[in-house]
Amino acid sequence: MTDCQGDVEGASTPMELYEKLSEQGVKVRSLKSAKADKTKVDTAVQLLLKLKMDYKQMTGHDYKAGCPPSENDAAPNNGPAADVAGEDDTVDPWTVSTTNAKGVDYDKLIVRFGSSKIDQELVDRIEKVCGQKPHRFLRRGVFFSHRDMHQVLDAYEKHKSFYLYTGRGPSSEAMHVGHLIPFIFTKWLQDVFDIPLVIQLTDDEKYLWKDLTVEECHRFAIENAKDIIACGFDINKTFIFSDLDYMGSSPEFYRNVVKIQKHVTFNQVKGIFGFTDSDCIGKISFPAIQAAPSFSNSFPHVFGSRKDIQCLIPCAIDQDPYFRMTRDVAPRIGYPKPALLHSTFFPALQGAQTKMSASDANSSIFLTDTPKQIKNKINKHAFSGGKDTVEEHRKYGGNADVDVSFMYLTFFLEDDEQLEKIRQDYTSGALLTGELKKILIETLQPMIAQHQERRKQVTDELVKQFMTPRPLNFNL
C-alpha cells in the first residue's frame, strides 16, 4: 500500500482525485471481468476504497461516478469532520467506540485491517455454491468483510469440506440480542454447508479481564451455552467447550497452544493487543488459546489427527486481531490459515456511537426481557432519527441511517421489500418515529419469546451432551 499512498498524496485538488477514482474504478472492473488473480483484484479494490475515503474527506461528500466536483467543491478546513467516520474510531477486542452517529466506518476498517470487502460477486457465489438464497446478514452487509472466503468456496466446489469455529466470552448470565448475531449466522452456515462446528466459551479470558471468580465465569459459560443451544444447532455436528474444562482434558489442544505461544513474541502481542508491563501474564498468553481452535487437530475426537482441514470463523470484526496473529503463525507450524467472515457491530439502544454494556440493562434488549420490558426500553431509550415535532418530521422526514429502531430491523426483519418500504416511508416522513418503534417492538417481542421457550427446553443434561468431547456426524 506504500506505492498507492504516493498516488493519493499526488492528488492536490478534488478534480484530480475524482479523475484518479474514475481510473481506479475502470481498473477494478476490468480486472474482475478478466478474472484476474484474486490478490491483484483485492489490492485494486483496497486502493479504490482508500481513494473514496480521501475524496469524501477532501470534498465533504461521497464520490459518485459521472458527477465531477465543482471548482470550489472542498470541505471546509474546520478540523476533522464529525461525519467522516473512522478518524476517531477505536476498534479492538475489548473496546469499540466512535464519534459518528452512523457507527464505525467499516470501509476504513477494511483498509486498516487489510481484509477484503464482501461484495455482490461473493454473495452471488455463496448463493450458487450453497444452493440457497443468501442469509439476510449477507444481503444487507451485516457480514461485510472476509479473509480467504473465495479459497474456502474453491475447495468446497472440489468436494473438500471445512469446519466452523466461533465463540462467546461469558461475562454475565444474560446475553442480549446483539450476542445472537454470530450464532444466527453460524447456524445458517452449518445448515447450508452441512458441516461441523466448534464453539469456544472463553471463561478463562473473562476471569483474567474481569473482577469475577473462576467459579462465576464457569457458571456464566454454562448459562450462555443454554442460550447458544436454543439457537437450534445440530447436536450431532456441534461441540461446545469451556476453556476451563477442555484445556485440562485435551493434550492435543494444549500442544497447539504451546506451539502458537512459541512463535509469537512479547513485543508482537504488545503491538497487536496493546498489553502493558502491568498486565498479568495470563492476558499475554491468552491469544494463543483463542487461536488454537482454528486448527483441526485441536479436536482429535472430531477430526482425529488430521491437521489439514480448513477452518472458517464467523465473528465480529473486533476479534480480527486474534486471527491476524493466528494466520501469521499457521504456516510456520504447518497448518492452513483460518478464513474469516466479519460482522458489523450491533448498536446500543442509545445510538451506534455508544457501547452496549451487560451492566446497563437499558443499553440493549436482553434475552431475558419480558414483552413489557422490550416495549418500554424501545419506546424510552431507542435513539431516534426523527425530527423534533410531527410537523417537521412530516415535512422533512427522518434519518434511517442513525435511527436505532431501523438499524435493529435491518438485523431482524427478514422481508427485504418490507424493510425498504419502511426506510422510504420513514425518510419521506410518511412513517413517524413512534410507528417505526412499534414495528420493531412487534418484531422483537415474538422473537425473544420464542427464544425463551426454546431455552426452557435446554436441560442440564442436554448442555452436558453438547459439551462432551465425542465424534460428530459429518463428511469431509
Protein backbone atom coordinates (compact mmCIF):
# COMPACT_ATOMS: atom_id res chain seq x y z
CA MET A 1 0.00 0.00 0.00
CA THR A 2 3.03 2.31 0.19
CA ASP A 3 3.04 2.95 -3.57
CA CYS A 4 -0.68 3.62 -3.50
CA GLN A 5 -0.20 6.23 -0.80
CA GLY A 6 2.13 8.17 -3.06
CA ASP A 7 -0.56 8.34 -5.75
CA VAL A 8 -3.14 9.66 -3.30
CA GLU A 9 -0.85 12.35 -1.97
CA GLY A 10 -0.24 13.48 -5.57
CA ALA A 11 -3.91 14.44 -5.94
CA SER A 12 -3.99 18.01 -4.63
CA THR A 13 -7.44 19.05 -5.90
CA PRO A 14 -10.88 17.40 -5.80
CA MET A 15 -10.87 17.12 -9.60
CA GLU A 16 -7.51 15.32 -9.66
CA LEU A 17 -8.73 12.91 -7.01
CA TYR A 18 -12.01 12.42 -8.88
CA GLU A 19 -10.07 11.51 -12.04
CA LYS A 20 -7.89 9.05 -10.13
CA LEU A 21 -11.04 7.49 -8.67
CA SER A 22 -12.61 7.12 -12.11
CA GLU A 23 -9.44 5.48 -13.46
CA GLN A 24 -9.24 3.11 -10.49
CA GLY A 25 -12.90 2.16 -10.87
CA VAL A 26 -12.29 1.23 -14.52
CA LYS A 27 -9.22 -0.78 -13.47
CA VAL A 28 -11.15 -2.75 -10.84
CA ARG A 29 -13.95 -3.56 -13.29
CA SER A 30 -11.52 -4.70 -15.97
CA LEU A 31 -9.58 -6.90 -13.51
CA LYS A 32 -12.81 -8.52 -12.36
CA SER A 33 -14.12 -9.07 -15.88
CA ALA A 34 -10.76 -10.56 -16.89
CA LYS A 35 -10.95 -12.82 -13.81
CA ALA A 36 -7.51 -11.62 -12.75
CA ASP A 37 -5.56 -13.04 -9.85
CA LYS A 38 -7.50 -12.54 -6.58
CA THR A 39 -4.59 -10.75 -4.90
CA LYS A 40 -4.44 -8.18 -7.74
CA VAL A 41 -8.19 -7.60 -7.55
CA ASP A 42 -8.14 -7.21 -3.76
CA THR A 43 -5.24 -4.73 -3.92
CA ALA A 44 -7.04 -2.67 -6.57
CA VAL A 45 -10.27 -2.68 -4.52
CA GLN A 46 -8.39 -1.61 -1.37
CA LEU A 47 -6.91 1.37 -3.24
CA LEU A 48 -10.35 2.27 -4.65
CA LEU A 49 -11.79 2.31 -1.12
CA LYS A 50 -8.94 4.48 0.14
CA LEU A 51 -9.37 6.94 -2.73
CA LYS A 52 -13.10 7.15 -1.97
CA MET A 53 -12.40 7.93 1.67
CA ASP A 54 -9.84 10.59 0.73
CA TYR A 55 -12.33 12.09 -1.73
CA LYS A 56 -15.00 12.31 0.97
CA GLN A 57 -12.55 13.91 3.36
CA MET A 58 -11.44 16.43 0.73
CA THR A 59 -14.89 17.36 -0.61
CA GLY A 60 -17.23 16.58 2.28
CA HIS A 61 -19.41 14.19 0.26
CA ASP A 62 -19.29 10.74 -1.30
CA TYR A 63 -17.79 10.06 -4.73
CA LYS A 64 -20.35 9.42 -7.48
CA ALA A 65 -19.30 8.28 -10.94
CA GLY A 66 -20.37 10.81 -13.58
CA CYS A 67 -20.74 13.62 -11.02
CA PRO A 68 -17.43 15.55 -11.01
CA PRO A 69 -16.83 18.11 -8.24
CA SER A 70 -17.25 21.82 -8.85
CA GLU A 71 -14.17 24.04 -8.79
CA ASN A 72 -14.78 25.26 -5.26
CA ASP A 73 -16.10 21.91 -4.01
CA ALA A 74 -13.93 21.29 -0.97
CA ALA A 75 -14.74 20.50 2.63
CA PRO A 76 -14.18 23.49 4.96
CA ASN A 77 -11.00 23.13 6.94
CA ASN A 78 -12.50 23.22 10.43
CA GLY A 79 -10.56 20.27 11.78
CA PRO A 80 -11.68 16.65 11.45
CA ALA A 81 -15.20 16.44 10.03
CA ALA A 82 -17.61 14.84 12.51
CA ASP A 83 -19.35 12.89 9.76
CA VAL A 84 -16.18 11.38 8.35
CA ALA A 85 -16.13 8.27 10.50
CA GLY A 86 -13.00 6.33 11.13
CA GLU A 87 -10.71 9.11 12.35
CA ASP A 88 -11.85 8.66 15.96
CA ASP A 89 -12.97 5.02 15.73
CA THR A 90 -11.43 2.70 18.30
CA VAL A 91 -11.81 -0.99 17.50
CA ASP A 92 -10.04 -3.75 19.40
CA PRO A 93 -11.20 -6.95 21.17
CA TRP A 94 -12.19 -5.01 24.30
CA THR A 95 -13.15 -1.51 23.15
CA VAL A 96 -15.40 -0.33 20.33
CA SER A 97 -16.14 3.39 20.15
CA THR A 98 -16.89 6.02 17.53
CA THR A 99 -17.99 9.65 17.50
CA ASN A 100 -20.22 9.10 14.45
CA ALA A 101 -23.98 8.57 14.89
CA LYS A 102 -23.99 6.18 11.92
CA GLY A 103 -21.46 3.97 13.71
CA VAL A 104 -18.00 2.77 12.78
CA ASP A 105 -16.74 3.48 9.24
CA TYR A 106 -16.39 -0.10 8.02
CA ASP A 107 -14.76 0.79 4.69
CA LYS A 108 -11.93 2.43 6.60
CA LEU A 109 -11.75 -0.55 8.94
CA ILE A 110 -11.30 -2.89 5.96
CA VAL A 111 -8.37 -0.79 4.78
CA ARG A 112 -6.91 -0.56 8.27
CA PHE A 113 -7.18 -4.29 8.98
CA GLY A 114 -6.24 -5.35 5.45
CA SER A 115 -9.24 -7.60 4.90
CA SER A 116 -11.46 -7.82 1.79
CA LYS A 117 -14.95 -6.42 1.30
CA ILE A 118 -17.81 -8.90 0.85
CA ASP A 119 -19.07 -7.61 -2.49
CA GLN A 120 -22.11 -8.67 -4.50
CA GLU A 121 -19.96 -11.03 -6.55
CA LEU A 122 -19.03 -13.02 -3.42
CA VAL A 123 -22.62 -13.02 -2.13
CA ASP A 124 -23.78 -14.38 -5.51
CA ARG A 125 -21.07 -17.03 -5.42
CA ILE A 126 -22.08 -18.19 -1.92
CA GLU A 127 -25.67 -18.47 -3.18
CA LYS A 128 -24.54 -20.54 -6.15
CA VAL A 129 -22.32 -22.87 -4.09
CA CYS A 130 -24.76 -23.49 -1.24
CA GLY A 131 -27.84 -23.53 -3.48
CA GLN A 132 -29.86 -21.24 -1.22
CA LYS A 133 -30.84 -17.59 -1.01
CA PRO A 134 -28.08 -15.77 0.93
CA HIS A 135 -28.81 -15.03 4.57
CA ARG A 136 -30.17 -11.52 5.22
CA PHE A 137 -26.91 -10.73 7.06
CA LEU A 138 -25.06 -11.25 3.76
CA ARG A 139 -27.69 -9.49 1.64
CA ARG A 140 -27.60 -6.40 3.86
CA GLY A 141 -23.90 -6.17 4.60
CA VAL A 142 -24.15 -7.16 8.28
CA PHE A 143 -21.31 -9.53 7.43
CA PHE A 144 -19.24 -7.16 5.34
CA SER A 145 -15.62 -8.30 5.31
CA HIS A 146 -13.72 -11.55 4.82
CA ARG A 147 -10.39 -13.28 4.61
CA ASP A 148 -9.96 -16.13 2.10
CA MET A 149 -13.67 -16.92 1.64
CA HIS A 150 -13.09 -17.49 -2.07
CA GLN A 151 -10.46 -20.10 -1.16
CA VAL A 152 -12.96 -21.91 1.10
CA LEU A 153 -15.54 -21.96 -1.71
CA ASP A 154 -12.97 -23.13 -4.27
CA ALA A 155 -12.13 -26.11 -2.06
CA TYR A 156 -15.80 -26.83 -1.28
CA GLU A 157 -16.62 -26.94 -5.00
CA LYS A 158 -13.90 -29.59 -5.32
CA HIS A 159 -15.64 -31.60 -2.57
CA LYS A 160 -13.11 -30.62 0.08
CA SER A 161 -15.10 -29.54 3.12
CA PHE A 162 -14.32 -27.27 6.06
CA TYR A 163 -15.44 -26.67 9.64
CA LEU A 164 -16.80 -23.67 11.54
CA TYR A 165 -15.45 -22.09 14.71
CA THR A 166 -16.98 -19.24 16.67
CA GLY A 167 -17.15 -18.29 20.33
CA ARG A 168 -18.51 -16.30 23.22
CA GLY A 169 -16.88 -14.57 26.18
CA PRO A 170 -19.28 -15.32 29.07
CA SER A 171 -19.14 -12.20 31.28
CA SER A 172 -22.73 -12.37 32.58
CA GLU A 173 -25.66 -14.77 32.86
CA ALA A 174 -27.88 -12.85 30.45
CA MET A 175 -26.98 -12.41 26.78
CA HIS A 176 -28.51 -9.62 24.69
CA VAL A 177 -29.82 -9.75 21.13
CA GLY A 178 -26.52 -8.45 19.75
CA HIS A 179 -24.75 -11.54 21.10
CA LEU A 180 -27.01 -13.70 18.89
CA ILE A 181 -25.74 -12.24 15.59
CA PRO A 182 -22.72 -14.55 15.06
CA PHE A 183 -24.69 -17.58 16.26
CA ILE A 184 -27.71 -16.93 14.00
CA PHE A 185 -25.37 -16.66 11.01
CA THR A 186 -23.18 -19.60 12.06
CA LYS A 187 -26.27 -21.83 12.35
CA TRP A 188 -27.24 -20.85 8.80
CA LEU A 189 -23.75 -21.71 7.55
CA GLN A 190 -23.83 -25.04 9.38
CA ASP A 191 -27.21 -25.89 7.85
CA VAL A 192 -26.50 -24.89 4.23
CA PHE A 193 -23.00 -26.38 4.05
CA ASP A 194 -23.78 -29.37 6.34
CA ILE A 195 -20.52 -29.09 8.29
CA PRO A 196 -19.22 -29.49 11.86
CA LEU A 197 -18.92 -26.60 14.30
CA VAL A 198 -16.88 -25.92 17.44
CA ILE A 199 -17.92 -23.15 19.85
CA GLN A 200 -15.38 -21.85 22.36
CA LEU A 201 -16.58 -20.35 25.65
CA THR A 202 -13.66 -18.24 26.88
CA ASP A 203 -14.45 -18.34 30.60
CA ASP A 204 -10.70 -18.20 31.28
CA GLU A 205 -10.47 -14.89 29.40
CA LYS A 206 -13.27 -13.34 31.45
CA TYR A 207 -11.58 -14.42 34.69
CA LEU A 208 -8.34 -12.72 33.55
CA TRP A 209 -10.01 -9.48 32.42
CA LYS A 210 -12.96 -9.06 34.78
CA ASP A 211 -13.41 -8.81 38.53
CA LEU A 212 -15.03 -12.24 38.69
CA THR A 213 -14.19 -15.55 40.35
CA VAL A 214 -13.27 -18.65 38.34
CA GLU A 215 -16.48 -20.28 39.55
CA GLU A 216 -18.63 -17.34 38.37
CA CYS A 217 -17.02 -17.35 34.92
CA HIS A 218 -17.58 -21.09 34.52
CA ARG A 219 -21.21 -20.77 35.66
CA PHE A 220 -21.77 -17.96 33.14
CA ALA A 221 -20.31 -20.21 30.44
CA ILE A 222 -22.88 -22.93 31.19
CA GLU A 223 -25.74 -20.41 31.23
CA ASN A 224 -24.60 -18.84 27.97
CA ALA A 225 -24.33 -22.31 26.42
CA LYS A 226 -28.08 -22.74 27.04
CA ASP A 227 -28.84 -19.59 25.03
CA ILE A 228 -26.49 -20.73 22.26
CA ILE A 229 -28.07 -24.19 22.10
CA ALA A 230 -31.51 -22.51 21.94
CA CYS A 231 -30.46 -21.03 18.57
CA GLY A 232 -31.07 -24.53 17.15
CA PHE A 233 -27.62 -26.01 16.49
CA ASP A 234 -27.44 -29.65 15.42
CA ILE A 235 -26.12 -31.66 18.39
CA ASN A 236 -24.71 -34.27 16.01
CA LYS A 237 -22.49 -31.67 14.34
CA THR A 238 -21.72 -29.26 17.21
CA PHE A 239 -19.18 -29.35 20.05
CA ILE A 240 -19.34 -26.57 22.66
CA PHE A 241 -16.48 -26.31 25.12
CA SER A 242 -15.39 -24.26 28.10
CA ASP A 243 -11.69 -23.39 28.10
CA LEU A 244 -11.53 -24.02 31.86
CA ASP A 245 -12.75 -27.60 31.24
CA TYR A 246 -11.30 -28.54 27.85
CA MET A 247 -7.75 -27.19 28.23
CA GLY A 248 -7.10 -29.60 31.06
CA SER A 249 -8.51 -32.64 29.31
CA SER A 250 -7.09 -32.33 25.77
CA PRO A 251 -3.32 -32.76 25.36
CA GLU A 252 -3.65 -32.06 21.61
CA PHE A 253 -5.36 -28.71 22.22
CA TYR A 254 -2.72 -27.67 24.75
CA ARG A 255 0.12 -28.73 22.46
CA ASN A 256 -1.23 -26.40 19.77
CA VAL A 257 -1.49 -23.59 22.33
CA VAL A 258 2.20 -24.09 23.19
CA LYS A 259 3.22 -24.18 19.51
CA ILE A 260 1.44 -20.87 18.92
CA GLN A 261 2.94 -19.33 22.06
CA LYS A 262 6.46 -20.23 20.92
CA HIS A 263 6.01 -18.42 17.60
CA VAL A 264 4.64 -15.10 18.93
CA THR A 265 6.93 -12.71 20.78
CA PHE A 266 6.02 -10.48 23.71
CA ASN A 267 6.63 -7.44 21.51
CA GLN A 268 4.19 -8.80 18.91
CA VAL A 269 1.33 -9.29 21.38
CA LYS A 270 2.01 -5.87 22.87
CA GLY A 271 1.82 -4.38 19.39
CA ILE A 272 -1.34 -6.30 18.40
CA PHE A 273 -3.30 -6.09 21.65
CA GLY A 274 -1.82 -3.11 23.47
CA PHE A 275 -0.71 -5.07 26.52
CA THR A 276 1.48 -3.21 29.01
CA ASP A 277 4.10 -4.29 31.53
CA SER A 278 1.48 -4.14 34.27
CA ASP A 279 -0.86 -6.67 32.61
CA CYS A 280 -0.90 -10.12 34.17
CA ILE A 281 0.92 -12.87 32.26
CA GLY A 282 -2.39 -14.69 31.73
CA LYS A 283 -3.56 -11.92 29.38
CA ILE A 284 -0.34 -12.11 27.39
CA SER A 285 -0.67 -15.87 26.87
CA PHE A 286 -4.44 -15.92 26.24
CA PRO A 287 -4.43 -15.04 22.49
CA ALA A 288 -2.83 -18.43 21.78
CA ILE A 289 -5.81 -20.13 23.48
CA GLN A 290 -8.29 -18.30 21.25
CA ALA A 291 -6.15 -19.18 18.22
CA ALA A 292 -5.91 -22.93 18.88
CA PRO A 293 -9.47 -23.91 17.79
CA SER A 294 -8.53 -22.65 14.29
CA PHE A 295 -6.57 -25.90 13.79
CA SER A 296 -8.48 -29.14 13.29
CA ASN A 297 -6.16 -31.42 15.27
CA SER A 298 -7.04 -29.43 18.42
CA PHE A 299 -10.16 -31.64 18.40
CA PRO A 300 -8.95 -35.25 18.00
CA HIS A 301 -12.37 -36.67 18.98
CA VAL A 302 -13.84 -34.82 15.96
CA PHE A 303 -11.08 -34.81 13.33
CA GLY A 304 -8.60 -37.40 14.58
CA SER A 305 -5.02 -36.40 13.81
CA ARG A 306 -5.92 -34.50 10.62
CA LYS A 307 -4.40 -31.05 10.60
CA ASP A 308 -5.25 -30.06 7.02
CA ILE A 309 -8.96 -29.21 7.40
CA GLN A 310 -9.74 -25.56 6.65
CA CYS A 311 -11.44 -23.53 9.38
CA LEU A 312 -13.95 -20.72 8.75
CA ILE A 313 -14.55 -18.25 11.59
CA PRO A 314 -17.68 -16.04 11.61
CA CYS A 315 -17.10 -13.28 14.19
CA ALA A 316 -17.41 -9.56 14.84
CA ILE A 317 -14.60 -7.53 13.29
CA ASP A 318 -13.20 -6.56 16.73
CA GLN A 319 -11.98 -10.16 17.13
CA ASP A 320 -9.88 -9.96 13.97
CA PRO A 321 -6.58 -9.11 15.75
CA TYR A 322 -6.57 -12.59 17.31
CA PHE A 323 -6.86 -14.20 13.92
CA ARG A 324 -4.41 -11.94 12.12
CA MET A 325 -1.94 -13.30 14.66
CA THR A 326 -3.22 -16.85 14.05
CA ARG A 327 -2.90 -16.55 10.26
CA ASP A 328 0.65 -15.27 10.66
CA VAL A 329 1.62 -18.25 12.84
CA ALA A 330 -0.27 -21.01 10.94
CA PRO A 331 2.17 -21.65 8.05
CA ARG A 332 5.13 -21.62 10.43
CA ILE A 333 3.68 -24.53 12.40
CA GLY A 334 2.42 -26.42 9.35
CA TYR A 335 -1.31 -25.61 9.46
CA PRO A 336 -3.69 -23.94 6.96
CA LYS A 337 -4.64 -20.34 7.69
CA PRO A 338 -8.19 -19.93 9.03
CA ALA A 339 -10.62 -18.00 6.82
CA LEU A 340 -12.88 -15.34 8.36
CA LEU A 341 -16.24 -13.65 7.88
CA HIS A 342 -16.54 -10.37 9.82
CA SER A 343 -19.76 -8.80 11.06
CA THR A 344 -20.54 -5.18 11.87
CA PHE A 345 -21.25 -4.16 15.45
CA PHE A 346 -24.70 -4.29 16.94
CA PRO A 347 -25.65 -0.78 18.13
CA ALA A 348 -26.69 0.11 21.67
CA LEU A 349 -30.24 1.42 22.07
CA GLN A 350 -28.80 4.87 22.80
CA GLY A 351 -27.13 5.02 19.37
CA ALA A 352 -24.39 3.47 17.25
CA GLN A 353 -21.73 5.70 18.82
CA THR A 354 -22.39 4.28 22.31
CA LYS A 355 -21.44 0.87 23.63
CA MET A 356 -23.75 -1.81 24.91
CA SER A 357 -22.98 -2.94 28.42
CA ALA A 358 -24.13 -6.06 30.24
CA SER A 359 -24.18 -3.94 33.41
CA ASP A 360 -26.60 -1.41 31.87
CA ALA A 361 -29.98 -3.09 31.43
CA ASN A 362 -31.21 -0.23 29.24
CA SER A 363 -28.39 -0.38 26.70
CA SER A 364 -29.91 -3.31 24.79
CA ILE A 365 -32.69 -5.86 24.61
CA PHE A 366 -31.72 -8.88 26.70
CA LEU A 367 -32.84 -12.43 26.01
CA THR A 368 -34.48 -12.50 29.46
CA ASP A 369 -36.62 -9.38 28.85
CA THR A 370 -40.42 -9.61 29.06
CA PRO A 371 -42.65 -8.23 26.27
CA LYS A 372 -43.39 -5.22 28.52
CA GLN A 373 -39.68 -4.56 29.15
CA ILE A 374 -38.96 -4.76 25.42
CA LYS A 375 -41.71 -2.25 24.67
CA ASN A 376 -40.63 0.17 27.41
CA LYS A 377 -36.93 0.02 26.50
CA ILE A 378 -37.54 0.70 22.83
CA ASN A 379 -40.04 3.49 23.46
CA LYS A 380 -37.90 5.20 26.11
CA HIS A 381 -34.32 4.55 25.03
CA ALA A 382 -34.09 3.74 21.31
CA PHE A 383 -32.25 6.64 19.63
CA SER A 384 -34.43 8.31 17.01
CA GLY A 385 -33.51 9.70 13.63
CA GLY A 386 -36.78 11.59 13.52
CA LYS A 387 -37.42 15.32 13.76
CA ASP A 388 -38.41 17.17 16.95
CA THR A 389 -42.06 17.68 16.00
CA VAL A 390 -44.60 15.74 13.97
CA GLU A 391 -44.95 18.69 11.59
CA GLU A 392 -41.20 18.85 10.92
CA HIS A 393 -40.99 15.09 10.53
CA ARG A 394 -43.85 15.02 8.03
CA LYS A 395 -42.17 17.81 6.08
CA TYR A 396 -38.51 16.78 6.16
CA GLY A 397 -38.59 13.06 7.02
CA GLY A 398 -36.33 11.06 9.33
CA ASN A 399 -32.79 9.76 9.03
CA ALA A 400 -32.87 5.96 8.91
CA ASP A 401 -29.07 5.78 8.89
CA VAL A 402 -28.85 6.88 12.54
CA ASP A 403 -32.20 5.58 13.80
CA VAL A 404 -31.61 2.62 16.13
CA SER A 405 -35.06 1.10 15.60
CA PHE A 406 -34.40 0.93 11.85
CA MET A 407 -30.89 -0.45 12.48
CA TYR A 408 -32.37 -3.24 14.63
CA LEU A 409 -34.92 -4.06 11.92
CA THR A 410 -32.02 -4.39 9.46
CA PHE A 411 -30.74 -7.23 11.62
CA PHE A 412 -34.01 -8.99 12.42
CA LEU A 413 -36.70 -8.28 9.80
CA GLU A 414 -36.48 -10.97 7.14
CA ASP A 415 -38.51 -9.35 4.32
CA ASP A 416 -36.25 -7.13 2.14
CA GLU A 417 -39.15 -5.39 0.39
CA GLN A 418 -40.86 -4.57 3.70
CA LEU A 419 -37.61 -3.20 5.12
CA GLU A 420 -37.04 -0.98 2.08
CA LYS A 421 -40.62 0.34 2.26
CA ILE A 422 -40.09 1.20 5.95
CA ARG A 423 -36.90 3.07 5.02
CA GLN A 424 -38.63 5.02 2.24
CA ASP A 425 -41.66 5.85 4.39
CA TYR A 426 -39.52 6.99 7.32
CA THR A 427 -37.22 9.05 5.09
CA SER A 428 -40.17 10.73 3.38
CA GLY A 429 -41.92 11.49 6.67
CA ALA A 430 -44.89 9.21 5.97
CA LEU A 431 -43.83 6.96 8.88
CA LEU A 432 -43.38 8.55 12.32
CA THR A 433 -40.78 7.53 14.91
CA GLY A 434 -43.44 6.08 17.21
CA GLU A 435 -44.80 3.97 14.36
CA LEU A 436 -41.29 2.75 13.49
CA LYS A 437 -40.67 1.79 17.11
CA LYS A 438 -43.99 -0.10 17.15
CA ILE A 439 -42.84 -2.19 14.15
CA LEU A 440 -39.61 -3.07 15.97
CA ILE A 441 -41.47 -3.96 19.18
CA GLU A 442 -43.80 -6.26 17.22
CA THR A 443 -40.77 -7.87 15.54
CA LEU A 444 -38.70 -8.45 18.68
CA GLN A 445 -41.38 -9.50 21.17
CA PRO A 446 -42.29 -12.81 19.43
CA MET A 447 -38.64 -13.47 18.51
CA ILE A 448 -37.48 -13.16 22.13
CA ALA A 449 -40.50 -15.11 23.43
CA GLN A 450 -39.74 -17.98 21.05
CA HIS A 451 -36.09 -17.99 22.12
CA GLN A 452 -37.14 -18.12 25.77
CA GLU A 453 -39.43 -21.08 25.05
CA ARG A 454 -36.62 -22.96 23.28
CA ARG A 455 -34.24 -22.19 26.14
CA LYS A 456 -36.66 -23.70 28.66
CA GLN A 457 -36.29 -26.99 26.76
CA VAL A 458 -32.50 -26.93 27.18
CA THR A 459 -31.82 -29.17 30.17
CA ASP A 460 -28.54 -29.53 32.09
CA GLU A 461 -28.27 -32.99 30.55
CA LEU A 462 -28.52 -31.55 27.01
CA VAL A 463 -25.82 -28.98 27.82
CA LYS A 464 -23.62 -31.81 29.07
CA GLN A 465 -24.14 -33.72 25.81
CA PHE A 466 -23.16 -30.69 23.69
CA MET A 467 -20.08 -30.13 25.86
CA THR A 468 -18.87 -33.74 25.98
CA PRO A 469 -15.90 -34.44 23.64
CA ARG A 470 -17.24 -37.01 21.16
CA PRO A 471 -17.25 -37.89 17.44
CA LEU A 472 -19.51 -35.71 15.29
CA ASN A 473 -21.59 -36.82 12.32
CA PHE A 474 -20.33 -35.30 9.06
CA ASN A 475 -18.48 -35.99 5.82
CA LEU A 476 -15.27 -34.17 4.96
